[in-house]
Amino acid sequence: MSTYMTYFVTMPILNADFAFSFAHSWIEGWNQRDIDAVLSHYADDFELASPLIPSIVGESSGILQGKADVRAYWNKGLAQIPDLHFELKEVLTGVDSITLYYRGHRGMVTEVLWFDGTGKVKKAWACYAIDIIRVSNEAIANFS
């Protein structure tokens, strides 16, 4: 009996041309504050997970489903950050996925994006860098 998890590939390892084209279009959409352009990359029922969701829209799970809910979340977020600008640092490819590594207003961010068979994002996870110096100092302060 195999101990490996079964995984169904919907879009094989993504090539560099697709990944770079997607990344630059995605970053440009955000830097132009064009939510429609950004959402054009996503399936209608996609899932977004972000640690910022609870504080911006009050969804305690940190997960939203579908373009309508994500649009409301992104609109609220953009209203709070009038000078939003993303600087793309790296694009990584994987099976059915790419990871965008960029600098945003909170520091370094990764967006891990999984694609369906049509080339649209079906799932996205956002991860934000922590301030290691601040965390280390607080940990030292808390244990001193």
N, C-alpha and C. Protein backbone atom coordinates (compact mmCIF):
# COMPACT_ATOMS: atom_id res chain seq x y z
N MET A 1 0.84 -1.17 0.00
CA MET A 1 0.00 0.00 0.00
C MET A 1 0.89 1.25 0.00
N SER A 2 0.59 2.19 -0.85
CA SER A 2 1.36 3.42 -0.96
C SER A 2 1.00 4.37 0.18
N THR A 3 2.01 5.06 0.69
CA THR A 3 1.78 6.04 1.74
C THR A 3 1.72 7.46 1.18
N TYR A 4 1.81 7.58 -0.15
CA TYR A 4 1.78 8.89 -0.77
C TYR A 4 0.35 9.36 -1.00
N MET A 5 0.15 10.64 -0.87
CA MET A 5 -1.15 11.23 -1.10
C MET A 5 -1.41 11.29 -2.62
N THR A 6 -2.61 10.97 -3.04
CA THR A 6 -2.97 11.07 -4.44
C THR A 6 -3.16 12.53 -4.79
N TYR A 7 -2.58 12.94 -5.92
CA TYR A 7 -2.67 14.33 -6.35
C TYR A 7 -3.01 14.35 -7.83
N PHE A 8 -4.05 15.05 -8.19
CA PHE A 8 -4.47 15.13 -9.59
C PHE A 8 -3.97 16.43 -10.20
N VAL A 9 -3.10 16.28 -11.16
CA VAL A 9 -2.53 17.44 -11.84
C VAL A 9 -3.54 17.97 -12.85
N THR A 10 -3.90 19.25 -12.72
CA THR A 10 -4.83 19.86 -13.67
C THR A 10 -4.09 20.67 -14.71
N MET A 11 -2.92 21.14 -14.37
CA MET A 11 -2.10 21.90 -15.29
C MET A 11 -0.67 21.52 -14.95
N PRO A 12 0.08 20.95 -15.88
CA PRO A 12 1.42 20.46 -15.54
C PRO A 12 2.36 21.57 -15.09
N ILE A 13 3.58 21.21 -14.80
CA ILE A 13 4.58 22.19 -14.37
C ILE A 13 4.52 23.37 -15.34
N LEU A 14 4.33 24.54 -14.79
CA LEU A 14 4.12 25.73 -15.61
C LEU A 14 5.44 26.21 -16.19
N ASN A 15 5.40 26.61 -17.45
CA ASN A 15 6.63 27.06 -18.08
C ASN A 15 6.95 28.51 -17.73
N ALA A 16 8.19 28.88 -17.97
CA ALA A 16 8.69 30.20 -17.58
C ALA A 16 7.94 31.32 -18.29
N ASP A 17 7.61 31.14 -19.57
CA ASP A 17 6.91 32.20 -20.30
C ASP A 17 5.56 32.51 -19.67
N PHE A 18 4.79 31.45 -19.35
CA PHE A 18 3.49 31.65 -18.71
C PHE A 18 3.68 32.32 -17.35
N ALA A 19 4.62 31.82 -16.56
CA ALA A 19 4.83 32.33 -15.21
C ALA A 19 5.23 33.81 -15.22
N PHE A 20 6.18 34.18 -16.07
CA PHE A 20 6.62 35.58 -16.11
C PHE A 20 5.52 36.50 -16.64
N SER A 21 4.80 36.05 -17.66
CA SER A 21 3.72 36.86 -18.21
C SER A 21 2.64 37.08 -17.15
N PHE A 22 2.26 36.01 -16.48
CA PHE A 22 1.26 36.12 -15.42
C PHE A 22 1.74 37.07 -14.33
N ALA A 23 2.96 36.87 -13.85
CA ALA A 23 3.49 37.67 -12.74
C ALA A 23 3.51 39.16 -13.08
N HIS A 24 3.98 39.49 -14.25
CA HIS A 24 4.07 40.91 -14.61
C HIS A 24 2.69 41.54 -14.80
N SER A 25 1.76 40.79 -15.37
CA SER A 25 0.40 41.29 -15.52
C SER A 25 -0.27 41.48 -14.16
N TRP A 26 -0.04 40.53 -13.25
CA TRP A 26 -0.63 40.58 -11.92
C TRP A 26 -0.09 41.78 -11.13
N ILE A 27 1.23 41.94 -11.14
CA ILE A 27 1.86 43.06 -10.43
C ILE A 27 1.40 44.39 -11.03
N GLU A 28 1.35 44.48 -12.35
CA GLU A 28 0.92 45.71 -13.01
C GLU A 28 -0.52 46.06 -12.63
N GLY A 29 -1.40 45.05 -12.61
CA GLY A 29 -2.78 45.29 -12.20
C GLY A 29 -2.87 45.88 -10.80
N TRP A 30 -2.11 45.31 -9.87
CA TRP A 30 -2.11 45.84 -8.50
C TRP A 30 -1.53 47.25 -8.46
N ASN A 31 -0.43 47.47 -9.13
CA ASN A 31 0.20 48.80 -9.08
C ASN A 31 -0.67 49.87 -9.74
N GLN A 32 -1.55 49.47 -10.63
CA GLN A 32 -2.50 50.41 -11.24
C GLN A 32 -3.81 50.46 -10.45
N ARG A 33 -3.88 49.67 -9.37
CA ARG A 33 -5.07 49.62 -8.52
C ARG A 33 -6.30 49.19 -9.33
N ASP A 34 -6.09 48.26 -10.24
CA ASP A 34 -7.13 47.78 -11.16
C ASP A 34 -7.57 46.38 -10.73
N ILE A 35 -8.53 46.32 -9.83
CA ILE A 35 -8.98 45.04 -9.29
C ILE A 35 -9.57 44.15 -10.38
N ASP A 36 -10.26 44.74 -11.36
CA ASP A 36 -10.80 43.93 -12.45
C ASP A 36 -9.68 43.23 -13.22
N ALA A 37 -8.58 43.93 -13.47
CA ALA A 37 -7.45 43.32 -14.17
C ALA A 37 -6.86 42.19 -13.35
N VAL A 38 -6.72 42.39 -12.05
CA VAL A 38 -6.19 41.34 -11.19
C VAL A 38 -7.15 40.15 -11.15
N LEU A 39 -8.42 40.40 -10.95
CA LEU A 39 -9.42 39.32 -10.86
C LEU A 39 -9.57 38.56 -12.18
N SER A 40 -9.18 39.14 -13.29
CA SER A 40 -9.30 38.45 -14.58
C SER A 40 -8.44 37.19 -14.61
N HIS A 41 -7.48 37.07 -13.72
CA HIS A 41 -6.59 35.91 -13.65
C HIS A 41 -7.19 34.75 -12.84
N TYR A 42 -8.34 34.97 -12.20
CA TYR A 42 -8.89 34.01 -11.25
C TYR A 42 -10.18 33.36 -11.75
N ALA A 43 -10.39 32.11 -11.38
CA ALA A 43 -11.67 31.43 -11.63
C ALA A 43 -12.74 32.09 -10.76
N ASP A 44 -13.99 32.01 -11.19
CA ASP A 44 -15.09 32.67 -10.47
C ASP A 44 -15.22 32.19 -9.02
N ASP A 45 -14.94 30.92 -8.78
CA ASP A 45 -15.15 30.35 -7.44
C ASP A 45 -13.83 30.09 -6.69
N PHE A 46 -12.78 30.83 -7.02
CA PHE A 46 -11.48 30.57 -6.40
C PHE A 46 -11.50 30.84 -4.90
N GLU A 47 -10.51 30.27 -4.23
CA GLU A 47 -10.36 30.41 -2.78
C GLU A 47 -9.12 31.23 -2.49
N LEU A 48 -9.26 32.19 -1.59
CA LEU A 48 -8.13 33.02 -1.16
C LEU A 48 -7.96 32.87 0.35
N ALA A 49 -6.74 32.57 0.77
CA ALA A 49 -6.40 32.51 2.20
C ALA A 49 -5.34 33.57 2.49
N SER A 50 -5.58 34.37 3.50
CA SER A 50 -4.64 35.43 3.88
C SER A 50 -4.80 35.75 5.36
N PRO A 51 -3.69 35.96 6.05
CA PRO A 51 -3.81 36.35 7.47
C PRO A 51 -4.36 37.76 7.66
N LEU A 52 -4.53 38.52 6.59
CA LEU A 52 -5.09 39.87 6.70
C LEU A 52 -6.61 39.88 6.59
N ILE A 53 -7.20 38.81 6.10
CA ILE A 53 -8.65 38.75 5.92
C ILE A 53 -9.41 39.02 7.22
N PRO A 54 -9.04 38.40 8.35
CA PRO A 54 -9.81 38.67 9.58
C PRO A 54 -9.83 40.15 9.97
N SER A 55 -8.71 40.84 9.85
CA SER A 55 -8.67 42.23 10.29
C SER A 55 -9.33 43.18 9.29
N ILE A 56 -9.39 42.81 8.03
CA ILE A 56 -9.96 43.72 7.03
C ILE A 56 -11.45 43.49 6.83
N VAL A 57 -11.90 42.23 6.77
CA VAL A 57 -13.33 41.97 6.54
C VAL A 57 -13.99 41.14 7.63
N GLY A 58 -13.25 40.77 8.66
CA GLY A 58 -13.85 40.10 9.80
C GLY A 58 -14.13 38.62 9.63
N GLU A 59 -13.62 38.00 8.59
CA GLU A 59 -13.81 36.55 8.40
C GLU A 59 -12.71 35.84 9.19
N SER A 60 -13.07 35.25 10.33
CA SER A 60 -12.08 34.71 11.26
C SER A 60 -11.27 33.55 10.71
N SER A 61 -11.80 32.84 9.72
CA SER A 61 -11.06 31.70 9.16
C SER A 61 -9.87 32.14 8.32
N GLY A 62 -9.88 33.41 7.86
CA GLY A 62 -8.82 33.89 6.98
C GLY A 62 -8.98 33.40 5.55
N ILE A 63 -10.15 32.86 5.22
CA ILE A 63 -10.38 32.29 3.89
C ILE A 63 -11.65 32.89 3.29
N LEU A 64 -11.56 33.30 2.02
CA LEU A 64 -12.72 33.79 1.27
C LEU A 64 -12.90 32.92 0.04
N GLN A 65 -14.14 32.81 -0.42
CA GLN A 65 -14.47 31.99 -1.58
C GLN A 65 -15.20 32.84 -2.61
N GLY A 66 -14.67 32.90 -3.84
CA GLY A 66 -15.35 33.56 -4.94
C GLY A 66 -14.95 35.00 -5.14
N LYS A 67 -15.13 35.43 -6.38
CA LYS A 67 -14.71 36.78 -6.77
C LYS A 67 -15.44 37.89 -6.03
N ALA A 68 -16.72 37.72 -5.77
CA ALA A 68 -17.48 38.80 -5.11
C ALA A 68 -16.93 39.10 -3.72
N ASP A 69 -16.69 38.06 -2.93
CA ASP A 69 -16.16 38.27 -1.57
C ASP A 69 -14.74 38.80 -1.61
N VAL A 70 -13.93 38.28 -2.53
CA VAL A 70 -12.54 38.74 -2.62
C VAL A 70 -12.49 40.19 -3.11
N ARG A 71 -13.35 40.53 -4.07
CA ARG A 71 -13.40 41.92 -4.56
C ARG A 71 -13.69 42.88 -3.39
N ALA A 72 -14.66 42.55 -2.55
CA ALA A 72 -15.00 43.41 -1.40
C ALA A 72 -13.80 43.54 -0.47
N TYR A 73 -13.11 42.45 -0.20
CA TYR A 73 -11.91 42.44 0.65
C TYR A 73 -10.81 43.31 0.04
N TRP A 74 -10.52 43.10 -1.24
CA TRP A 74 -9.46 43.87 -1.89
C TRP A 74 -9.82 45.36 -1.96
N ASN A 75 -11.09 45.69 -2.21
CA ASN A 75 -11.50 47.10 -2.22
C ASN A 75 -11.27 47.75 -0.87
N LYS A 76 -11.62 47.05 0.21
CA LYS A 76 -11.39 47.59 1.56
C LYS A 76 -9.90 47.76 1.82
N GLY A 77 -9.12 46.78 1.41
CA GLY A 77 -7.67 46.86 1.60
C GLY A 77 -7.06 48.02 0.84
N LEU A 78 -7.46 48.20 -0.43
CA LEU A 78 -6.93 49.31 -1.23
C LEU A 78 -7.31 50.66 -0.64
N ALA A 79 -8.50 50.76 -0.06
CA ALA A 79 -8.92 52.02 0.57
C ALA A 79 -8.01 52.39 1.73
N GLN A 80 -7.42 51.39 2.38
CA GLN A 80 -6.54 51.63 3.53
C GLN A 80 -5.10 51.92 3.11
N ILE A 81 -4.76 51.65 1.85
CA ILE A 81 -3.37 51.79 1.39
C ILE A 81 -3.35 52.60 0.09
N PRO A 82 -3.46 53.91 0.18
CA PRO A 82 -3.54 54.72 -1.05
C PRO A 82 -2.27 54.70 -1.91
N ASP A 83 -1.14 54.39 -1.31
CA ASP A 83 0.11 54.40 -2.08
C ASP A 83 0.65 52.99 -2.33
N LEU A 84 -0.25 52.02 -2.46
CA LEU A 84 0.14 50.63 -2.68
C LEU A 84 1.07 50.50 -3.88
N HIS A 85 2.15 49.76 -3.69
CA HIS A 85 3.07 49.46 -4.79
C HIS A 85 3.76 48.14 -4.48
N PHE A 86 3.75 47.24 -5.47
CA PHE A 86 4.42 45.95 -5.34
C PHE A 86 5.64 45.94 -6.24
N GLU A 87 6.71 45.35 -5.72
CA GLU A 87 7.95 45.20 -6.49
C GLU A 87 8.28 43.71 -6.58
N LEU A 88 8.13 43.15 -7.78
CA LEU A 88 8.36 41.73 -7.99
C LEU A 88 9.84 41.40 -7.83
N LYS A 89 10.12 40.37 -7.01
CA LYS A 89 11.50 39.94 -6.77
C LYS A 89 11.81 38.61 -7.44
N GLU A 90 10.89 37.65 -7.34
CA GLU A 90 11.12 36.30 -7.90
C GLU A 90 9.80 35.69 -8.33
N VAL A 91 9.90 34.79 -9.31
CA VAL A 91 8.77 33.97 -9.73
C VAL A 91 9.25 32.53 -9.69
N LEU A 92 8.54 31.69 -8.97
CA LEU A 92 8.89 30.27 -8.86
C LEU A 92 7.77 29.45 -9.49
N THR A 93 8.13 28.36 -10.18
CA THR A 93 7.13 27.51 -10.79
C THR A 93 7.08 26.16 -10.10
N GLY A 94 5.92 25.54 -10.15
CA GLY A 94 5.73 24.22 -9.57
C GLY A 94 4.66 23.47 -10.32
N VAL A 95 4.22 22.36 -9.79
CA VAL A 95 3.15 21.59 -10.40
C VAL A 95 1.84 22.34 -10.17
N ASP A 96 1.17 22.70 -11.23
CA ASP A 96 -0.10 23.44 -11.15
C ASP A 96 0.03 24.80 -10.46
N SER A 97 1.22 25.30 -10.24
CA SER A 97 1.34 26.47 -9.39
C SER A 97 2.52 27.36 -9.74
N ILE A 98 2.39 28.61 -9.31
CA ILE A 98 3.53 29.52 -9.28
C ILE A 98 3.50 30.23 -7.93
N THR A 99 4.66 30.69 -7.53
CA THR A 99 4.78 31.49 -6.32
C THR A 99 5.40 32.82 -6.72
N LEU A 100 4.73 33.90 -6.34
CA LEU A 100 5.24 35.24 -6.58
C LEU A 100 5.85 35.73 -5.26
N TYR A 101 7.08 36.19 -5.35
CA TYR A 101 7.77 36.73 -4.18
C TYR A 101 7.99 38.21 -4.48
N TYR A 102 7.42 39.07 -3.64
CA TYR A 102 7.48 40.50 -3.94
C TYR A 102 7.53 41.32 -2.65
N ARG A 103 7.94 42.57 -2.82
CA ARG A 103 7.93 43.52 -1.71
C ARG A 103 6.65 44.34 -1.81
N GLY A 104 5.92 44.38 -0.72
CA GLY A 104 4.70 45.18 -0.63
C GLY A 104 4.82 46.19 0.49
N HIS A 105 3.75 46.82 0.84
CA HIS A 105 3.76 47.86 1.88
C HIS A 105 4.07 47.31 3.25
N ARG A 106 3.88 46.02 3.49
CA ARG A 106 4.16 45.39 4.79
C ARG A 106 5.51 44.67 4.80
N GLY A 107 6.24 44.73 3.71
CA GLY A 107 7.50 44.00 3.61
C GLY A 107 7.40 42.90 2.57
N MET A 108 8.12 41.82 2.78
CA MET A 108 8.17 40.73 1.80
C MET A 108 6.92 39.86 1.91
N VAL A 109 6.44 39.43 0.73
CA VAL A 109 5.21 38.66 0.63
C VAL A 109 5.42 37.54 -0.38
N THR A 110 4.77 36.41 -0.14
CA THR A 110 4.64 35.39 -1.18
C THR A 110 3.16 35.17 -1.44
N GLU A 111 2.85 34.96 -2.70
CA GLU A 111 1.51 34.54 -3.12
C GLU A 111 1.72 33.21 -3.82
N VAL A 112 1.16 32.16 -3.27
CA VAL A 112 1.22 30.85 -3.89
C VAL A 112 -0.11 30.66 -4.60
N LEU A 113 -0.03 30.46 -5.92
CA LEU A 113 -1.22 30.43 -6.76
C LEU A 113 -1.31 29.09 -7.48
N TRP A 114 -2.43 28.38 -7.27
CA TRP A 114 -2.66 27.09 -7.94
C TRP A 114 -3.63 27.33 -9.08
N PHE A 115 -3.36 26.69 -10.22
CA PHE A 115 -4.13 26.92 -11.44
C PHE A 115 -5.02 25.74 -11.80
N ASP A 116 -6.15 26.05 -12.44
CA ASP A 116 -7.00 25.00 -12.97
C ASP A 116 -6.56 24.69 -14.40
N GLY A 117 -7.27 23.80 -15.08
CA GLY A 117 -6.90 23.39 -16.41
C GLY A 117 -7.06 24.46 -17.48
N THR A 118 -7.73 25.58 -17.15
CA THR A 118 -7.91 26.66 -18.12
C THR A 118 -6.90 27.79 -17.95
N GLY A 119 -6.01 27.64 -16.98
CA GLY A 119 -5.02 28.69 -16.73
C GLY A 119 -5.47 29.77 -15.78
N LYS A 120 -6.58 29.54 -15.09
CA LYS A 120 -7.07 30.50 -14.09
C LYS A 120 -6.68 30.03 -12.69
N VAL A 121 -6.47 30.98 -11.79
CA VAL A 121 -6.14 30.65 -10.41
C VAL A 121 -7.37 30.06 -9.74
N LYS A 122 -7.20 28.88 -9.12
CA LYS A 122 -8.30 28.24 -8.39
C LYS A 122 -8.12 28.36 -6.88
N LYS A 123 -6.87 28.58 -6.44
CA LYS A 123 -6.59 28.73 -5.00
C LYS A 123 -5.37 29.63 -4.85
N ALA A 124 -5.41 30.50 -3.86
CA ALA A 124 -4.30 31.42 -3.61
C ALA A 124 -4.07 31.54 -2.11
N TRP A 125 -2.81 31.47 -1.73
CA TRP A 125 -2.43 31.67 -0.34
C TRP A 125 -1.43 32.81 -0.27
N ALA A 126 -1.70 33.78 0.58
CA ALA A 126 -0.78 34.89 0.80
C ALA A 126 -0.06 34.68 2.13
N CYS A 127 1.24 34.89 2.12
CA CYS A 127 2.06 34.75 3.33
C CYS A 127 2.92 36.00 3.47
N TYR A 128 2.96 36.55 4.67
CA TYR A 128 3.66 37.80 4.93
C TYR A 128 4.85 37.56 5.85
N ALA A 129 5.95 38.24 5.54
CA ALA A 129 7.15 38.13 6.38
C ALA A 129 6.88 38.71 7.75
N ILE A 130 7.48 38.11 8.75
CA ILE A 130 7.42 38.69 10.10
C ILE A 130 8.68 39.50 10.32
N ASP A 131 8.60 40.44 11.20
CA ASP A 131 9.75 41.27 11.55
C ASP A 131 10.57 40.49 12.58
N ILE A 132 11.59 39.78 12.10
CA ILE A 132 12.36 38.88 12.97
C ILE A 132 13.04 39.65 14.11
N ILE A 133 13.55 40.82 13.83
CA ILE A 133 14.22 41.60 14.88
C ILE A 133 13.21 41.98 15.95
N ARG A 134 12.03 42.47 15.53
CA ARG A 134 11.00 42.85 16.49
C ARG A 134 10.54 41.64 17.29
N VAL A 135 10.29 40.53 16.61
CA VAL A 135 9.85 39.33 17.30
C VAL A 135 10.92 38.85 18.27
N SER A 136 12.18 38.86 17.84
CA SER A 136 13.27 38.43 18.72
C SER A 136 13.38 39.33 19.94
N ASN A 137 13.29 40.63 19.75
CA ASN A 137 13.38 41.56 20.87
C ASN A 137 12.22 41.38 21.83
N GLU A 138 11.00 41.16 21.29
CA GLU A 138 9.84 40.95 22.15
C GLU A 138 9.99 39.65 22.92
N ALA A 139 10.51 38.62 22.25
CA ALA A 139 10.70 37.33 22.92
C ALA A 139 11.71 37.47 24.05
N ILE A 140 12.79 38.22 23.79
CA ILE A 140 13.81 38.45 24.83
C ILE A 140 13.19 39.26 25.98
N ALA A 141 12.43 40.30 25.61
CA ALA A 141 11.81 41.14 26.63
C ALA A 141 10.81 40.32 27.47
N ASN A 142 10.06 39.44 26.79
CA ASN A 142 9.06 38.64 27.53
C ASN A 142 9.68 37.59 28.44
N PHE A 143 10.89 37.18 28.16
CA PHE A 143 11.51 36.12 28.94
C PHE A 143 12.66 36.63 29.83
N SER A 144 12.82 37.93 29.91
CA SER A 144 13.91 38.48 30.74
C SER A 144 13.47 38.63 32.17
